[in-house]
Amino acid sequence: MYKLEIRRQAATKLKSLPRNERLRITDKIDQLAVNPDDSALDTKKLKDSELYRLRVGIWRIIYYREDTLRIISIEKLGARGDVYK
């Protein structure tokens, strides 16, 4: 199991979402912490970056993964079109 760290921007955005969306996203983040290589998760390494993305519907979660320390740091959370800017 990986330790989760959530940056302030991501936490603020998560709190502002409707309850049902927030629950879907937190379930996927919890699943990511258990096994980031789970094939049921829609994850992908971002091109020319150390970051990864997790897709949950229209939402994208940008995270950094440190395997040696077993840490996942949630950097950004946002809608598909906005999160990569």
N, C-alpha and C. Protein backbone atom coordinates (compact mmCIF):
# COMPACT_ATOMS: atom_id res chain seq x y z
N MET A 1 0.84 -1.18 0.00
CA MET A 1 0.00 0.00 0.00
C MET A 1 0.89 1.25 0.00
N TYR A 2 0.49 2.20 -0.79
CA TYR A 2 1.22 3.46 -0.90
C TYR A 2 0.62 4.51 0.03
N LYS A 3 1.46 5.40 0.51
CA LYS A 3 0.99 6.53 1.31
C LYS A 3 0.51 7.62 0.35
N LEU A 4 -0.62 8.23 0.64
CA LEU A 4 -1.16 9.29 -0.21
C LEU A 4 -0.85 10.67 0.36
N GLU A 5 -0.44 11.55 -0.53
CA GLU A 5 -0.28 12.98 -0.19
C GLU A 5 -1.12 13.75 -1.20
N ILE A 6 -1.92 14.67 -0.72
CA ILE A 6 -2.77 15.46 -1.62
C ILE A 6 -2.41 16.92 -1.47
N ARG A 7 -2.02 17.54 -2.57
CA ARG A 7 -1.66 18.96 -2.57
C ARG A 7 -2.91 19.81 -2.34
N ARG A 8 -2.69 21.03 -1.89
CA ARG A 8 -3.78 21.92 -1.51
C ARG A 8 -4.75 22.18 -2.66
N GLN A 9 -4.24 22.43 -3.87
CA GLN A 9 -5.10 22.71 -5.03
C GLN A 9 -6.02 21.54 -5.30
N ALA A 10 -5.48 20.34 -5.23
CA ALA A 10 -6.28 19.15 -5.50
C ALA A 10 -7.32 18.94 -4.41
N ALA A 11 -6.94 19.15 -3.17
CA ALA A 11 -7.88 18.98 -2.05
C ALA A 11 -9.02 20.00 -2.13
N THR A 12 -8.68 21.23 -2.47
CA THR A 12 -9.71 22.28 -2.60
C THR A 12 -10.69 21.94 -3.71
N LYS A 13 -10.17 21.51 -4.84
CA LYS A 13 -11.02 21.14 -5.97
C LYS A 13 -11.91 19.95 -5.61
N LEU A 14 -11.35 18.97 -4.93
CA LEU A 14 -12.11 17.79 -4.54
C LEU A 14 -13.26 18.16 -3.60
N LYS A 15 -13.01 19.05 -2.67
CA LYS A 15 -14.05 19.48 -1.73
C LYS A 15 -15.18 20.25 -2.42
N SER A 16 -14.85 20.91 -3.53
CA SER A 16 -15.85 21.72 -4.22
C SER A 16 -16.77 20.90 -5.14
N LEU A 17 -16.43 19.65 -5.37
CA LEU A 17 -17.22 18.81 -6.27
C LEU A 17 -18.49 18.30 -5.60
N PRO A 18 -19.52 17.96 -6.39
CA PRO A 18 -20.72 17.35 -5.83
C PRO A 18 -20.37 16.03 -5.14
N ARG A 19 -21.15 15.66 -4.16
CA ARG A 19 -20.85 14.49 -3.33
C ARG A 19 -20.64 13.22 -4.14
N ASN A 20 -21.50 12.96 -5.12
CA ASN A 20 -21.38 11.71 -5.88
C ASN A 20 -20.08 11.67 -6.69
N GLU A 21 -19.67 12.80 -7.27
CA GLU A 21 -18.41 12.86 -8.01
C GLU A 21 -17.23 12.69 -7.05
N ARG A 22 -17.32 13.34 -5.91
CA ARG A 22 -16.26 13.26 -4.91
C ARG A 22 -16.05 11.82 -4.45
N LEU A 23 -17.14 11.10 -4.24
CA LEU A 23 -17.04 9.70 -3.81
C LEU A 23 -16.43 8.82 -4.89
N ARG A 24 -16.82 9.03 -6.15
CA ARG A 24 -16.23 8.25 -7.25
C ARG A 24 -14.73 8.47 -7.33
N ILE A 25 -14.32 9.73 -7.21
CA ILE A 25 -12.90 10.06 -7.31
C ILE A 25 -12.12 9.51 -6.13
N THR A 26 -12.63 9.66 -4.92
CA THR A 26 -11.91 9.16 -3.74
C THR A 26 -11.82 7.63 -3.76
N ASP A 27 -12.83 6.96 -4.28
CA ASP A 27 -12.75 5.50 -4.42
C ASP A 27 -11.62 5.10 -5.34
N LYS A 28 -11.48 5.79 -6.47
CA LYS A 28 -10.40 5.49 -7.42
C LYS A 28 -9.04 5.83 -6.83
N ILE A 29 -8.95 6.93 -6.09
CA ILE A 29 -7.68 7.30 -5.45
C ILE A 29 -7.29 6.24 -4.42
N ASP A 30 -8.26 5.76 -3.65
CA ASP A 30 -7.99 4.70 -2.67
C ASP A 30 -7.52 3.42 -3.37
N GLN A 31 -8.15 3.10 -4.49
CA GLN A 31 -7.77 1.94 -5.27
C GLN A 31 -6.34 2.13 -5.82
N LEU A 32 -6.01 3.34 -6.22
CA LEU A 32 -4.67 3.66 -6.70
C LEU A 32 -3.63 3.45 -5.60
N ALA A 33 -3.97 3.83 -4.37
CA ALA A 33 -3.04 3.68 -3.25
C ALA A 33 -2.76 2.21 -2.93
N VAL A 34 -3.75 1.38 -3.13
CA VAL A 34 -3.58 -0.05 -2.86
C VAL A 34 -2.68 -0.69 -3.92
N ASN A 35 -2.97 -0.40 -5.20
CA ASN A 35 -2.18 -0.98 -6.29
C ASN A 35 -2.18 -0.04 -7.49
N PRO A 36 -1.15 0.77 -7.63
CA PRO A 36 -1.11 1.72 -8.75
C PRO A 36 -0.99 1.05 -10.12
N ASP A 37 -0.63 -0.22 -10.15
CA ASP A 37 -0.51 -0.95 -11.41
C ASP A 37 -1.76 -1.76 -11.75
N ASP A 38 -2.84 -1.55 -11.03
CA ASP A 38 -4.09 -2.27 -11.26
C ASP A 38 -4.60 -1.98 -12.68
N SER A 39 -4.87 -3.01 -13.43
CA SER A 39 -5.33 -2.83 -14.81
C SER A 39 -6.75 -2.27 -14.89
N ALA A 40 -7.50 -2.32 -13.79
CA ALA A 40 -8.85 -1.76 -13.77
C ALA A 40 -8.83 -0.24 -13.74
N LEU A 41 -7.70 0.34 -13.35
CA LEU A 41 -7.56 1.80 -13.31
C LEU A 41 -7.10 2.29 -14.68
N ASP A 42 -7.62 3.43 -15.08
CA ASP A 42 -7.21 4.03 -16.34
C ASP A 42 -6.09 5.02 -16.07
N THR A 43 -4.87 4.50 -15.95
CA THR A 43 -3.71 5.34 -15.67
C THR A 43 -2.77 5.36 -16.87
N LYS A 44 -1.98 6.41 -16.92
CA LYS A 44 -1.04 6.57 -18.03
C LYS A 44 0.08 7.51 -17.59
N LYS A 45 1.30 7.20 -17.99
CA LYS A 45 2.41 8.09 -17.72
C LYS A 45 2.35 9.23 -18.73
N LEU A 46 2.51 10.45 -18.24
CA LEU A 46 2.46 11.60 -19.13
C LEU A 46 3.77 11.72 -19.92
N LYS A 47 3.64 12.10 -21.15
CA LYS A 47 4.78 12.22 -22.06
C LYS A 47 5.74 13.30 -21.57
N ASP A 48 7.03 13.01 -21.61
CA ASP A 48 8.09 13.95 -21.23
C ASP A 48 7.93 14.50 -19.81
N SER A 49 7.46 13.65 -18.89
CA SER A 49 7.23 14.08 -17.52
C SER A 49 7.37 12.89 -16.58
N GLU A 50 7.58 13.19 -15.31
CA GLU A 50 7.59 12.13 -14.29
C GLU A 50 6.19 11.90 -13.73
N LEU A 51 5.22 12.65 -14.20
CA LEU A 51 3.86 12.57 -13.67
C LEU A 51 3.04 11.52 -14.40
N TYR A 52 1.99 11.09 -13.72
CA TYR A 52 1.01 10.15 -14.27
C TYR A 52 -0.36 10.80 -14.21
N ARG A 53 -1.31 10.21 -14.94
CA ARG A 53 -2.68 10.68 -14.83
C ARG A 53 -3.60 9.49 -14.60
N LEU A 54 -4.63 9.74 -13.82
CA LEU A 54 -5.69 8.78 -13.55
C LEU A 54 -6.97 9.38 -14.08
N ARG A 55 -7.68 8.65 -14.92
CA ARG A 55 -8.92 9.14 -15.52
C ARG A 55 -10.11 8.58 -14.75
N VAL A 56 -11.01 9.49 -14.33
CA VAL A 56 -12.26 9.10 -13.68
C VAL A 56 -13.37 9.91 -14.35
N GLY A 57 -14.00 9.33 -15.36
CA GLY A 57 -15.02 10.06 -16.12
C GLY A 57 -14.39 11.25 -16.82
N ILE A 58 -14.96 12.44 -16.59
CA ILE A 58 -14.40 13.65 -17.21
C ILE A 58 -13.26 14.23 -16.38
N TRP A 59 -13.01 13.67 -15.21
CA TRP A 59 -12.00 14.19 -14.30
C TRP A 59 -10.66 13.53 -14.53
N ARG A 60 -9.59 14.31 -14.37
CA ARG A 60 -8.24 13.80 -14.48
C ARG A 60 -7.50 14.12 -13.18
N ILE A 61 -6.81 13.13 -12.67
CA ILE A 61 -6.02 13.29 -11.47
C ILE A 61 -4.56 13.13 -11.88
N ILE A 62 -3.79 14.19 -11.71
CA ILE A 62 -2.38 14.18 -12.05
C ILE A 62 -1.61 13.88 -10.77
N TYR A 63 -0.76 12.87 -10.83
CA TYR A 63 -0.05 12.47 -9.62
C TYR A 63 1.40 12.09 -9.91
N TYR A 64 2.19 12.14 -8.85
CA TYR A 64 3.59 11.73 -8.89
C TYR A 64 3.69 10.45 -8.09
N ARG A 65 4.46 9.53 -8.59
CA ARG A 65 4.57 8.21 -7.95
C ARG A 65 6.03 7.94 -7.62
N GLU A 66 6.30 7.68 -6.35
CA GLU A 66 7.64 7.33 -5.89
C GLU A 66 7.59 5.89 -5.37
N ASP A 67 8.07 4.96 -6.20
CA ASP A 67 7.95 3.54 -5.86
C ASP A 67 8.87 3.11 -4.73
N THR A 68 10.06 3.67 -4.65
CA THR A 68 10.99 3.24 -3.61
C THR A 68 10.49 3.61 -2.21
N LEU A 69 9.87 4.78 -2.09
CA LEU A 69 9.32 5.21 -0.80
C LEU A 69 7.85 4.86 -0.63
N ARG A 70 7.25 4.35 -1.71
CA ARG A 70 5.83 3.96 -1.74
C ARG A 70 4.92 5.15 -1.39
N ILE A 71 5.10 6.23 -2.14
CA ILE A 71 4.31 7.45 -1.96
C ILE A 71 3.66 7.82 -3.28
N ILE A 72 2.39 8.21 -3.21
CA ILE A 72 1.69 8.79 -4.35
C ILE A 72 1.26 10.18 -3.93
N SER A 73 1.68 11.16 -4.69
CA SER A 73 1.37 12.56 -4.40
C SER A 73 0.41 13.09 -5.46
N ILE A 74 -0.80 13.41 -5.05
CA ILE A 74 -1.81 13.96 -5.95
C ILE A 74 -1.47 15.44 -6.16
N GLU A 75 -1.07 15.79 -7.37
CA GLU A 75 -0.64 17.14 -7.67
C GLU A 75 -1.79 18.04 -8.13
N LYS A 76 -2.62 17.54 -9.04
CA LYS A 76 -3.72 18.34 -9.61
C LYS A 76 -4.94 17.47 -9.80
N LEU A 77 -6.08 18.11 -9.77
CA LEU A 77 -7.33 17.45 -10.08
C LEU A 77 -8.17 18.45 -10.85
N GLY A 78 -8.72 18.01 -11.96
CA GLY A 78 -9.51 18.94 -12.75
C GLY A 78 -10.22 18.26 -13.90
N ALA A 79 -11.02 19.03 -14.60
CA ALA A 79 -11.73 18.53 -15.76
C ALA A 79 -10.74 18.25 -16.88
N ARG A 80 -11.12 17.41 -17.77
CA ARG A 80 -10.26 16.94 -18.86
C ARG A 80 -9.56 18.05 -19.60
N GLY A 81 -10.26 19.09 -19.96
CA GLY A 81 -9.68 20.15 -20.77
C GLY A 81 -8.80 21.13 -20.02
N ASP A 82 -8.97 21.22 -18.71
CA ASP A 82 -8.29 22.24 -17.93
C ASP A 82 -7.06 21.75 -17.19
N VAL A 83 -7.01 20.51 -16.85
CA VAL A 83 -5.98 20.02 -15.93
C VAL A 83 -4.59 19.99 -16.54
N TYR A 84 -4.47 19.90 -17.84
CA TYR A 84 -3.15 19.81 -18.47
C TYR A 84 -2.51 21.16 -18.74
N LYS A 85 -3.24 22.25 -18.51
CA LYS A 85 -2.72 23.60 -18.79
C LYS A 85 -1.77 24.07 -17.71
